[in-house]
Amino acid sequence: MKQSRLLTVIKSLTPKEIRELKMFLISPFFNRRENVSQLFEHLVEQWHELDMLPTKEGAHQQLFPGEPYRAQNIRQLMSWLLQLIEKYFACASFLDRSFELDLEIARVYRQRGLEKQLDYTLKRVSDQLERQPQRDADYFEYSYRVLEEQYFQTASKRRIGEQKLQEISDNMDLAFLSRKLRQSCLALSHQAVYSTTYHFGLMEEILKYVEQHQLTQLPAIGLYYHGFRTLTQSGDDRHFQTFKKAILLQGAAFSVHEMRDLYLLAINFCIKKFNDGDWAFGREGLELYQAGLESGHLLADGILSRFAYRNIVAIGLKLADFTWVEHFIEQYKTALPKSHRESMYHFSLARLEYERHNYSSAIDHLQKSEYTDLLLNLAAKTLLAKIYYELDELKLLDAHLEAMQSFIRRKRLLGYHKDNYQQFVRLTKKLLQLNPYDKEARELFREQIERSEPLTEKGWFLGRLGG
């Protein structure tokens, strides 16, 4: 049985989802084919319990014992099972969204003409909406929909009286404005990293409208307004400071997922400014990382992305805050994904020891882990090359560069990364051959380094030349 869509989905299921799906599939409301439920039991047993790749032949023998193999029988059952699993996903997701569920119940009551039940449901969802702390785009969306249901209820009975049409319009506008601002901020952040250009449509009119109607006081509007201004007016730090302050103070107004996006939006801006030479933003970015970790917004189910872990260490090292970096490395080691924990932990300690000029200790850490992640492996090889250079172990360095060059040739890398590490090997070899007393040659080499792109170790090469 090939790695079909069905098997891919089943492999992704959690134990809780498997238990719920078993109950879902035996419910005659959703499924009246017993062999579909049996197929699910068989595939789960093979995939999750026995760690075996299921086969169509094995499934057919289990479900149709004694009958000749017919591939069409299994293909049909697999198709039905996948459709039912997708229905389960949709139902489970819908039932988890209490406001969506209540609004759908209200709509059904209105269509059935059950006035008292409708009034009770709308009051319940309205009260819940006001009690919860979030004031994001969804808040305005749900407010608009509650008011709309109330309007449909009253409009069917009379044409005069308070219809709250202005509130409906206002909440619809606020939901749109907050979503448009949010999407534009995400697009700008993406645009800053990748070579693409986005057109932002109504943004100029939206920004003017927000300013004219003083909507920046609303978290869902104001935060993204200042975020957009930060990303488009990078020479004016006032918007960034307002943006940062709002992120730190208004966490309750947004979901955990949205707050994570906001932290990363601000952090990525800081990293770009920092890499462009504005060192003050290194400290700003580190403060945002610290706040995001303390609040839990940068942790997904208690797990810290290895990329965030690596970025935090890199910023701390550039700021020469070695004591804090060491504390961070140890404190958040267990928050790393298990599959990358040891390699990222020892690589980070190796970087720290390198910056402290404890080269033998750095080598020890590099040797304590297997680097299965290709890019981390290359980063570790690069660090080891730099250590050999600092120790003046030129024979070891030369052999290491040859092995590194061969490794790069064998691996299929993304163009940027391949070019970057090939540049590092080539320029390091040239550095070894450079006459330290030949000023003209040194200056030519400096110019070559300045022109070389991509080259993440440009600062290291310039440092070896005293620049």
Protein backbone atom coordinates (compact mmCIF):
# COMPACT_ATOMS: atom_id res chain seq x y z
CA MET A 1 0.00 0.00 0.00
CA LYS A 2 1.68 3.22 -1.15
CA GLN A 3 1.92 6.22 1.16
CA SER A 4 -1.53 7.35 0.09
CA ARG A 5 -3.30 10.46 1.35
CA LEU A 6 -5.26 8.24 3.72
CA LEU A 7 -2.16 6.70 5.30
CA THR A 8 -0.49 10.09 5.61
CA VAL A 9 -3.54 11.41 7.47
CA ILE A 10 -3.79 8.34 9.73
CA LYS A 11 -0.11 8.56 10.61
CA SER A 12 -0.63 12.17 11.73
CA LEU A 13 -3.42 11.31 14.19
CA THR A 14 -2.89 11.80 17.91
CA PRO A 15 -4.03 9.16 20.44
CA LYS A 16 -6.96 11.42 21.40
CA GLU A 17 -8.02 11.78 17.76
CA ILE A 18 -7.81 8.01 17.24
CA ARG A 19 -10.11 7.42 20.22
CA GLU A 20 -12.60 10.00 19.01
CA LEU A 21 -12.53 8.69 15.44
CA LYS A 22 -13.33 5.18 16.61
CA MET A 23 -16.49 6.53 18.26
CA PHE A 24 -17.24 8.73 15.25
CA LEU A 25 -17.03 5.81 12.82
CA ILE A 26 -19.35 3.52 14.79
CA SER A 27 -22.04 6.22 14.93
CA PRO A 28 -24.75 5.35 12.38
CA PHE A 29 -25.43 9.07 11.96
CA PHE A 30 -22.08 9.39 10.17
CA ASN A 31 -21.25 5.87 8.99
CA ARG A 32 -23.33 2.77 8.34
CA ARG A 33 -20.59 0.68 6.74
CA GLU A 34 -19.05 -1.56 9.39
CA ASN A 35 -16.11 -2.55 7.17
CA VAL A 36 -15.05 1.12 6.95
CA SER A 37 -14.67 1.16 10.72
CA GLN A 38 -12.84 -2.19 10.56
CA LEU A 39 -10.44 -0.80 7.96
CA PHE A 40 -9.64 2.12 10.26
CA GLU A 41 -8.95 -0.27 13.17
CA HIS A 42 -6.65 -2.34 10.95
CA LEU A 43 -4.69 0.64 9.62
CA VAL A 44 -4.27 2.17 13.08
CA GLU A 45 -3.02 -1.14 14.45
CA GLN A 46 -0.50 -1.54 11.62
CA TRP A 47 0.66 2.07 11.53
CA HIS A 48 0.54 3.16 15.19
CA GLU A 49 0.87 -0.01 17.25
CA LEU A 50 3.03 -2.34 15.14
CA ASP A 51 4.89 0.40 13.24
CA MET A 52 4.34 -1.48 9.98
CA LEU A 53 3.45 -0.13 6.57
CA PRO A 54 -0.03 -1.49 5.76
CA THR A 55 -0.66 -3.23 2.43
CA LYS A 56 -3.86 -3.44 0.41
CA GLU A 57 -3.51 -7.19 0.28
CA GLY A 58 -3.19 -7.43 4.06
CA ALA A 59 -6.17 -5.15 4.57
CA HIS A 60 -8.26 -7.20 2.11
CA GLN A 61 -7.38 -10.43 3.89
CA GLN A 62 -8.35 -8.90 7.24
CA LEU A 63 -11.68 -7.49 6.02
CA PHE A 64 -12.65 -10.17 3.49
CA PRO A 65 -11.17 -13.42 4.85
CA GLY A 66 -11.24 -16.30 2.39
CA GLU A 67 -12.28 -14.14 -0.57
CA PRO A 68 -10.07 -13.57 -3.64
CA TYR A 69 -8.21 -10.26 -3.62
CA ARG A 70 -10.04 -7.40 -5.34
CA ALA A 71 -8.15 -4.11 -5.27
CA GLN A 72 -11.31 -2.15 -6.05
CA ASN A 73 -12.90 -3.26 -2.75
CA ILE A 74 -10.05 -1.77 -0.71
CA ARG A 75 -9.76 1.36 -2.85
CA GLN A 76 -13.46 2.10 -2.32
CA LEU A 77 -13.24 1.55 1.44
CA MET A 78 -10.15 3.75 1.65
CA SER A 79 -11.98 6.52 -0.21
CA TRP A 80 -14.99 6.33 2.13
CA LEU A 81 -12.75 6.23 5.20
CA LEU A 82 -10.80 9.31 4.10
CA GLN A 83 -14.04 11.23 3.51
CA LEU A 84 -15.27 10.32 6.99
CA ILE A 85 -11.98 11.33 8.64
CA GLU A 86 -12.20 14.68 6.88
CA LYS A 87 -15.77 15.10 8.16
CA TYR A 88 -14.51 14.32 11.67
CA PHE A 89 -11.82 17.01 11.34
CA ALA A 90 -14.42 19.54 10.22
CA CYS A 91 -16.88 18.62 12.99
CA ALA A 92 -14.21 18.62 15.72
CA SER A 93 -12.88 21.98 14.58
CA PHE A 94 -16.37 23.50 14.41
CA LEU A 95 -17.37 22.20 17.85
CA ASP A 96 -14.23 23.72 19.35
CA ARG A 97 -15.28 27.19 18.14
CA SER A 98 -18.01 28.00 20.65
CA PHE A 99 -19.03 31.32 19.05
CA GLU A 100 -19.41 29.71 15.62
CA LEU A 101 -21.51 26.95 17.15
CA ASP A 102 -23.79 29.34 19.05
CA LEU A 103 -24.29 31.58 16.02
CA GLU A 104 -25.25 28.57 13.91
CA ILE A 105 -27.72 27.48 16.61
CA ALA A 106 -29.17 31.02 16.62
CA ARG A 107 -29.57 30.95 12.85
CA VAL A 108 -31.45 27.63 13.02
CA TYR A 109 -33.74 28.93 15.79
CA ARG A 110 -34.50 32.05 13.73
CA GLN A 111 -35.35 30.00 10.66
CA ARG A 112 -37.66 27.83 12.76
CA GLY A 113 -39.34 30.84 14.31
CA LEU A 114 -38.38 29.84 17.87
CA GLU A 115 -38.22 33.36 19.33
CA LYS A 116 -37.51 32.57 23.00
CA GLN A 117 -34.75 30.09 22.17
CA LEU A 118 -33.25 32.59 19.73
CA ASP A 119 -33.31 35.42 22.30
CA TYR A 120 -31.67 33.21 24.91
CA THR A 121 -28.95 32.01 22.53
CA LEU A 122 -28.12 35.50 21.26
CA LYS A 123 -27.95 36.87 24.81
CA ARG A 124 -25.69 33.99 25.85
CA VAL A 125 -23.25 34.47 22.98
CA SER A 126 -23.29 38.25 23.42
CA ASP A 127 -22.52 37.95 27.15
CA GLN A 128 -19.74 35.43 26.50
CA LEU A 129 -18.28 37.68 23.85
CA GLU A 130 -18.09 40.67 26.19
CA ARG A 131 -16.70 38.62 29.10
CA GLN A 132 -13.78 37.14 27.18
CA PRO A 133 -10.71 39.43 27.01
CA GLN A 134 -9.86 39.11 23.32
CA ARG A 135 -10.49 42.17 21.18
CA ASP A 136 -9.14 40.94 17.88
CA ALA A 137 -10.69 40.80 14.42
CA ASP A 138 -12.78 37.78 15.43
CA TYR A 139 -14.33 39.80 18.25
CA PHE A 140 -15.63 42.39 15.80
CA GLU A 141 -16.69 39.69 13.36
CA TYR A 142 -18.74 37.85 15.99
CA SER A 143 -20.19 41.12 17.31
CA TYR A 144 -21.32 41.99 13.80
CA ARG A 145 -22.90 38.57 13.31
CA VAL A 146 -24.78 38.68 16.64
CA LEU A 147 -26.17 42.08 15.75
CA GLU A 148 -27.04 40.86 12.28
CA GLU A 149 -29.03 37.93 13.71
CA GLN A 150 -30.87 40.36 15.99
CA TYR A 151 -31.61 42.55 12.97
CA PHE A 152 -32.98 39.63 10.93
CA GLN A 153 -35.19 38.72 13.89
CA THR A 154 -36.69 42.19 14.35
CA ALA A 155 -36.81 43.21 10.68
CA SER A 156 -39.17 40.35 9.93
CA LYS A 157 -41.71 41.76 12.41
CA ARG A 158 -41.53 45.54 12.03
CA ARG A 159 -39.95 48.25 9.88
CA ILE A 160 -39.57 50.89 12.57
CA GLY A 161 -37.66 51.02 15.81
CA GLU A 162 -34.04 50.51 16.78
CA GLN A 163 -32.35 48.20 14.28
CA LYS A 164 -28.69 48.80 15.29
CA LEU A 165 -27.73 49.10 11.63
CA GLN A 166 -24.96 51.54 12.47
CA GLU A 167 -23.41 49.11 14.95
CA ILE A 168 -23.60 46.34 12.39
CA SER A 169 -21.82 48.50 9.84
CA ASP A 170 -19.21 49.69 12.35
CA ASN A 171 -18.31 46.18 13.54
CA MET A 172 -18.13 44.92 9.96
CA ASP A 173 -15.72 47.77 9.15
CA LEU A 174 -13.55 47.09 12.21
CA ALA A 175 -13.32 43.38 11.42
CA PHE A 176 -12.23 44.20 7.86
CA LEU A 177 -9.77 46.93 8.88
CA SER A 178 -8.01 44.77 11.46
CA ARG A 179 -7.74 41.83 9.07
CA LYS A 180 -6.50 44.01 6.21
CA LEU A 181 -3.87 45.64 8.43
CA ARG A 182 -2.77 42.27 9.79
CA GLN A 183 -2.46 40.69 6.35
CA SER A 184 -0.54 43.69 5.04
CA CYS A 185 1.95 43.47 7.93
CA LEU A 186 2.52 39.77 7.25
CA ALA A 187 3.01 40.49 3.54
CA LEU A 188 5.53 43.25 4.29
CA SER A 189 7.47 40.94 6.59
CA HIS A 190 7.56 38.26 3.89
CA GLN A 191 8.52 40.83 1.26
CA ALA A 192 11.53 41.90 3.35
CA VAL A 193 12.96 38.37 3.27
CA TYR A 194 12.01 37.07 -0.18
CA SER A 195 12.45 38.73 -3.55
CA THR A 196 8.81 39.48 -4.18
CA THR A 197 6.63 42.57 -4.27
CA TYR A 198 3.07 42.90 -3.01
CA HIS A 199 0.48 45.52 -3.86
CA PHE A 200 -1.55 46.65 -0.87
CA GLY A 201 -4.68 47.94 -2.56
CA LEU A 202 -6.69 50.16 -0.21
CA MET A 203 -3.97 50.60 2.42
CA GLU A 204 -3.39 54.32 1.90
CA GLU A 205 -7.10 55.02 2.32
CA ILE A 206 -7.28 52.65 5.30
CA LEU A 207 -4.38 54.35 7.07
CA LYS A 208 -5.99 57.76 6.59
CA TYR A 209 -9.35 56.44 7.78
CA VAL A 210 -7.77 54.94 10.92
CA GLU A 211 -6.04 58.24 11.70
CA GLN A 212 -9.09 60.41 11.02
CA HIS A 213 -11.38 58.30 13.20
CA GLN A 214 -8.77 57.76 15.96
CA LEU A 215 -9.07 53.98 15.75
CA THR A 216 -5.52 53.32 16.95
CA GLN A 217 -6.89 53.09 20.50
CA LEU A 218 -8.43 49.72 19.57
CA PRO A 219 -5.78 46.96 19.98
CA ALA A 220 -6.79 45.07 16.81
CA ILE A 221 -6.41 48.27 14.77
CA GLY A 222 -3.74 50.27 16.57
CA LEU A 223 -1.23 47.49 16.98
CA TYR A 224 -1.21 46.56 13.30
CA TYR A 225 -1.36 50.22 12.26
CA HIS A 226 1.91 50.90 14.10
CA GLY A 227 3.28 47.59 12.84
CA PHE A 228 2.60 48.63 9.25
CA ARG A 229 4.15 52.05 9.83
CA THR A 230 7.18 50.38 11.43
CA LEU A 231 7.75 48.17 8.42
CA THR A 232 7.26 50.96 5.88
CA GLN A 233 8.92 53.87 7.73
CA SER A 234 12.01 52.17 9.16
CA GLY A 235 13.80 55.50 9.65
CA ASP A 236 11.22 56.56 12.24
CA ASP A 237 11.59 54.48 15.41
CA ARG A 238 8.58 56.03 17.18
CA HIS A 239 6.16 53.65 15.49
CA PHE A 240 8.35 50.69 16.44
CA GLN A 241 8.42 51.72 20.09
CA THR A 242 4.63 52.06 20.13
CA PHE A 243 4.32 48.72 18.34
CA LYS A 244 6.66 47.00 20.80
CA LYS A 245 4.93 48.51 23.83
CA ALA A 246 1.53 47.36 22.56
CA ILE A 247 2.82 43.81 22.05
CA LEU A 248 4.14 43.70 25.61
CA LEU A 249 0.99 45.16 27.19
CA GLN A 250 -1.91 43.91 25.08
CA GLY A 251 -1.32 40.16 24.97
CA ALA A 252 -4.74 39.38 26.44
CA ALA A 253 -6.48 41.05 23.50
CA PHE A 254 -5.28 38.39 21.04
CA SER A 255 -5.11 34.62 20.76
CA VAL A 256 -1.86 32.86 21.62
CA HIS A 257 -1.35 32.05 17.94
CA GLU A 258 -1.81 35.66 16.86
CA MET A 259 0.45 36.96 19.62
CA ARG A 260 3.17 34.60 18.43
CA ASP A 261 2.86 36.08 14.93
CA LEU A 262 3.06 39.60 16.38
CA TYR A 263 6.19 38.81 18.39
CA LEU A 264 7.86 37.28 15.34
CA LEU A 265 6.83 40.23 13.19
CA ALA A 266 8.59 42.64 15.56
CA ILE A 267 11.55 40.33 16.18
CA ASN A 268 12.23 39.77 12.48
CA PHE A 269 12.19 43.54 11.96
CA CYS A 270 14.75 43.92 14.76
CA ILE A 271 16.96 41.16 13.34
CA LYS A 272 16.98 42.81 9.91
CA LYS A 273 17.90 46.20 11.41
CA PHE A 274 20.53 44.52 13.58
CA ASN A 275 22.07 42.70 10.61
CA ASP A 276 22.14 46.01 8.73
CA GLY A 277 24.37 47.43 11.46
CA ASP A 278 21.90 49.06 13.86
CA TRP A 279 23.11 47.38 17.05
CA ALA A 280 20.46 49.00 19.23
CA PHE A 281 17.90 46.76 17.58
CA GLY A 282 19.82 43.68 18.69
CA ARG A 283 18.96 44.57 22.28
CA GLU A 284 15.37 45.36 21.27
CA GLY A 285 15.03 41.99 19.59
CA LEU A 286 16.51 40.18 22.57
CA GLU A 287 14.06 41.91 24.92
CA LEU A 288 11.16 40.82 22.72
CA TYR A 289 12.46 37.26 22.69
CA GLN A 290 12.76 37.30 26.48
CA ALA A 291 9.25 38.68 26.94
CA GLY A 292 7.81 36.18 24.45
CA LEU A 293 9.45 33.29 26.25
CA GLU A 294 8.35 34.45 29.69
CA SER A 295 4.76 34.92 28.52
CA GLY A 296 4.81 31.59 26.67
CA HIS A 297 3.79 33.17 23.37
CA LEU A 298 6.92 31.91 21.61
CA LEU A 299 6.44 28.38 22.91
CA ALA A 300 4.11 26.05 21.00
CA ASP A 301 2.84 23.49 23.53
CA GLY A 302 5.97 24.13 25.57
CA ILE A 303 8.28 23.64 22.57
CA LEU A 304 10.71 26.32 21.40
CA SER A 305 11.59 26.31 17.71
CA ARG A 306 15.23 25.41 17.13
CA PHE A 307 15.44 28.38 14.76
CA ALA A 308 14.32 30.78 17.51
CA TYR A 309 16.79 29.13 19.94
CA ARG A 310 19.60 29.62 17.43
CA ASN A 311 18.63 33.24 16.67
CA ILE A 312 18.51 34.13 20.36
CA VAL A 313 21.97 32.69 20.92
CA ALA A 314 23.32 34.52 17.86
CA ILE A 315 21.99 37.91 18.99
CA GLY A 316 23.22 37.42 22.55
CA LEU A 317 26.69 36.49 21.30
CA LYS A 318 26.88 39.51 18.99
CA LEU A 319 25.98 41.68 21.97
CA ALA A 320 28.72 39.88 23.96
CA ASP A 321 26.21 39.06 26.71
CA PHE A 322 27.91 35.73 27.38
CA THR A 323 26.63 35.09 30.90
CA TRP A 324 23.02 35.58 29.82
CA VAL A 325 23.53 33.41 26.71
CA GLU A 326 24.93 30.57 28.81
CA HIS A 327 21.94 30.80 31.15
CA PHE A 328 19.54 30.81 28.21
CA ILE A 329 21.17 27.79 26.54
CA GLU A 330 20.83 25.74 29.73
CA GLN A 331 17.37 27.00 30.72
CA TYR A 332 15.69 26.28 27.40
CA LYS A 333 17.53 23.12 26.36
CA THR A 334 14.60 20.92 27.41
CA ALA A 335 12.18 23.13 25.47
CA LEU A 336 13.86 22.18 22.18
CA PRO A 337 12.26 19.45 20.02
CA LYS A 338 13.76 16.10 21.05
CA SER A 339 14.93 15.33 17.52
CA HIS A 340 17.20 18.42 17.50
CA ARG A 341 17.82 18.94 21.21
CA GLU A 342 21.35 17.58 21.69
CA SER A 343 22.73 18.87 18.40
CA MET A 344 21.38 22.41 18.87
CA TYR A 345 22.38 22.49 22.54
CA HIS A 346 26.01 21.46 21.93
CA PHE A 347 26.34 23.60 18.81
CA SER A 348 25.15 26.63 20.80
CA LEU A 349 27.62 25.92 23.60
CA ALA A 350 30.37 25.51 20.99
CA ARG A 351 29.54 28.96 19.59
CA LEU A 352 29.62 30.43 23.09
CA GLU A 353 32.99 28.86 23.91
CA TYR A 354 34.36 30.05 20.56
CA GLU A 355 33.40 33.64 21.41
CA ARG A 356 35.05 33.23 24.81
CA HIS A 357 38.18 31.98 23.00
CA ASN A 358 37.90 28.60 24.74
CA TYR A 359 38.64 26.76 21.53
CA SER A 360 39.36 23.29 22.92
CA SER A 361 36.08 23.38 24.83
CA ALA A 362 34.28 24.48 21.65
CA ILE A 363 35.73 21.50 19.77
CA ASP A 364 34.61 19.16 22.56
CA HIS A 365 31.02 20.36 22.21
CA LEU A 366 31.09 20.04 18.42
CA GLN A 367 32.16 16.42 18.83
CA LYS A 368 29.44 15.53 21.34
CA SER A 369 26.59 15.34 18.89
CA GLU A 370 25.64 14.05 15.46
CA TYR A 371 24.44 16.82 13.18
CA THR A 372 21.75 15.15 11.06
CA ASP A 373 20.26 18.49 10.04
CA LEU A 374 22.15 19.39 6.88
CA LEU A 375 22.38 23.14 7.45
CA LEU A 376 23.35 22.75 11.10
CA ASN A 377 25.99 20.25 10.00
CA LEU A 378 27.47 22.84 7.64
CA ALA A 379 27.31 25.53 10.32
CA ALA A 380 29.21 23.20 12.67
CA LYS A 381 31.82 22.52 9.97
CA THR A 382 32.19 26.27 9.41
CA LEU A 383 32.70 26.90 13.12
CA LEU A 384 35.31 24.13 13.31
CA ALA A 385 37.18 25.69 10.37
CA LYS A 386 37.26 29.04 12.18
CA ILE A 387 38.58 27.35 15.32
CA TYR A 388 41.39 25.63 13.40
CA TYR A 389 42.33 29.01 11.95
CA GLU A 390 42.42 30.67 15.38
CA LEU A 391 44.55 27.81 16.74
CA ASP A 392 46.88 28.13 13.73
CA GLU A 393 46.28 24.45 12.94
CA LEU A 394 46.81 25.07 9.24
CA LYS A 395 47.28 21.46 8.14
CA LEU A 396 44.11 20.42 9.95
CA LEU A 397 42.30 23.39 8.48
CA ASP A 398 43.44 22.60 4.94
CA ALA A 399 42.27 18.98 5.22
CA HIS A 400 39.03 20.11 6.82
CA LEU A 401 38.31 22.56 3.99
CA GLU A 402 38.88 19.83 1.38
CA ALA A 403 36.49 17.51 3.20
CA MET A 404 33.96 20.31 3.58
CA GLN A 405 34.16 21.14 -0.12
CA SER A 406 33.59 17.50 -1.02
CA PHE A 407 30.64 17.35 1.39
CA ILE A 408 29.03 20.40 -0.23
CA ARG A 409 29.40 18.89 -3.71
CA ARG A 410 27.69 15.66 -2.62
CA LYS A 411 24.69 17.33 -1.06
CA ARG A 412 21.77 18.83 -2.87
CA LEU A 413 21.43 22.18 -1.20
CA LEU A 414 19.27 25.21 -1.81
CA GLY A 415 21.14 27.58 -4.09
CA TYR A 416 21.65 30.29 -1.47
CA HIS A 417 23.14 27.95 1.13
CA LYS A 418 25.32 26.09 -1.35
CA ASP A 419 26.73 29.34 -2.72
CA ASN A 420 27.31 30.70 0.77
CA TYR A 421 29.32 27.73 2.03
CA GLN A 422 31.27 27.38 -1.22
CA GLN A 423 32.21 31.04 -0.86
CA PHE A 424 33.37 30.40 2.70
CA VAL A 425 35.64 27.51 1.66
CA ARG A 426 37.07 29.38 -1.32
CA LEU A 427 37.78 32.59 0.61
CA THR A 428 39.26 30.73 3.60
CA LYS A 429 41.71 28.99 1.28
CA LYS A 430 42.61 32.37 -0.19
CA LEU A 431 43.02 33.81 3.32
CA LEU A 432 45.56 31.09 4.10
CA GLN A 433 47.57 31.98 1.01
CA LEU A 434 47.47 35.73 1.64
CA ASN A 435 50.79 37.46 2.40
CA PRO A 436 50.07 39.43 5.62
CA TYR A 437 52.71 42.02 4.67
CA ASP A 438 51.36 42.69 1.17
CA LYS A 439 49.11 45.71 1.75
CA GLU A 440 47.87 45.80 -1.84
CA ALA A 441 46.90 42.13 -1.81
CA ARG A 442 45.16 42.57 1.54
CA GLU A 443 43.17 45.51 0.24
CA LEU A 444 42.14 43.62 -2.89
CA PHE A 445 41.06 40.70 -0.75
CA ARG A 446 39.07 43.05 1.48
CA GLU A 447 37.25 44.42 -1.57
CA GLN A 448 36.54 40.88 -2.77
CA ILE A 449 35.01 39.99 0.60
CA GLU A 450 32.87 43.12 0.57
CA ARG A 451 31.53 42.22 -2.87
CA SER A 452 30.92 38.55 -2.10
CA GLU A 453 27.24 37.59 -1.81
CA PRO A 454 25.96 35.53 -0.17
CA LEU A 455 28.52 35.37 2.62
CA THR A 456 27.23 35.04 6.17
CA GLU A 457 30.78 35.03 7.59
CA LYS A 458 31.71 38.36 6.00
CA GLY A 459 32.33 39.93 9.42
CA TRP A 460 34.70 37.12 10.40
CA PHE A 461 36.81 37.54 7.25
CA LEU A 462 37.00 41.29 7.71
CA GLY A 463 37.97 40.75 11.32
CA ARG A 464 40.91 38.59 10.22
CA LEU A 465 42.04 41.54 8.10
CA GLY A 466 41.63 43.95 10.97
CA GLY A 467 38.47 45.55 9.59
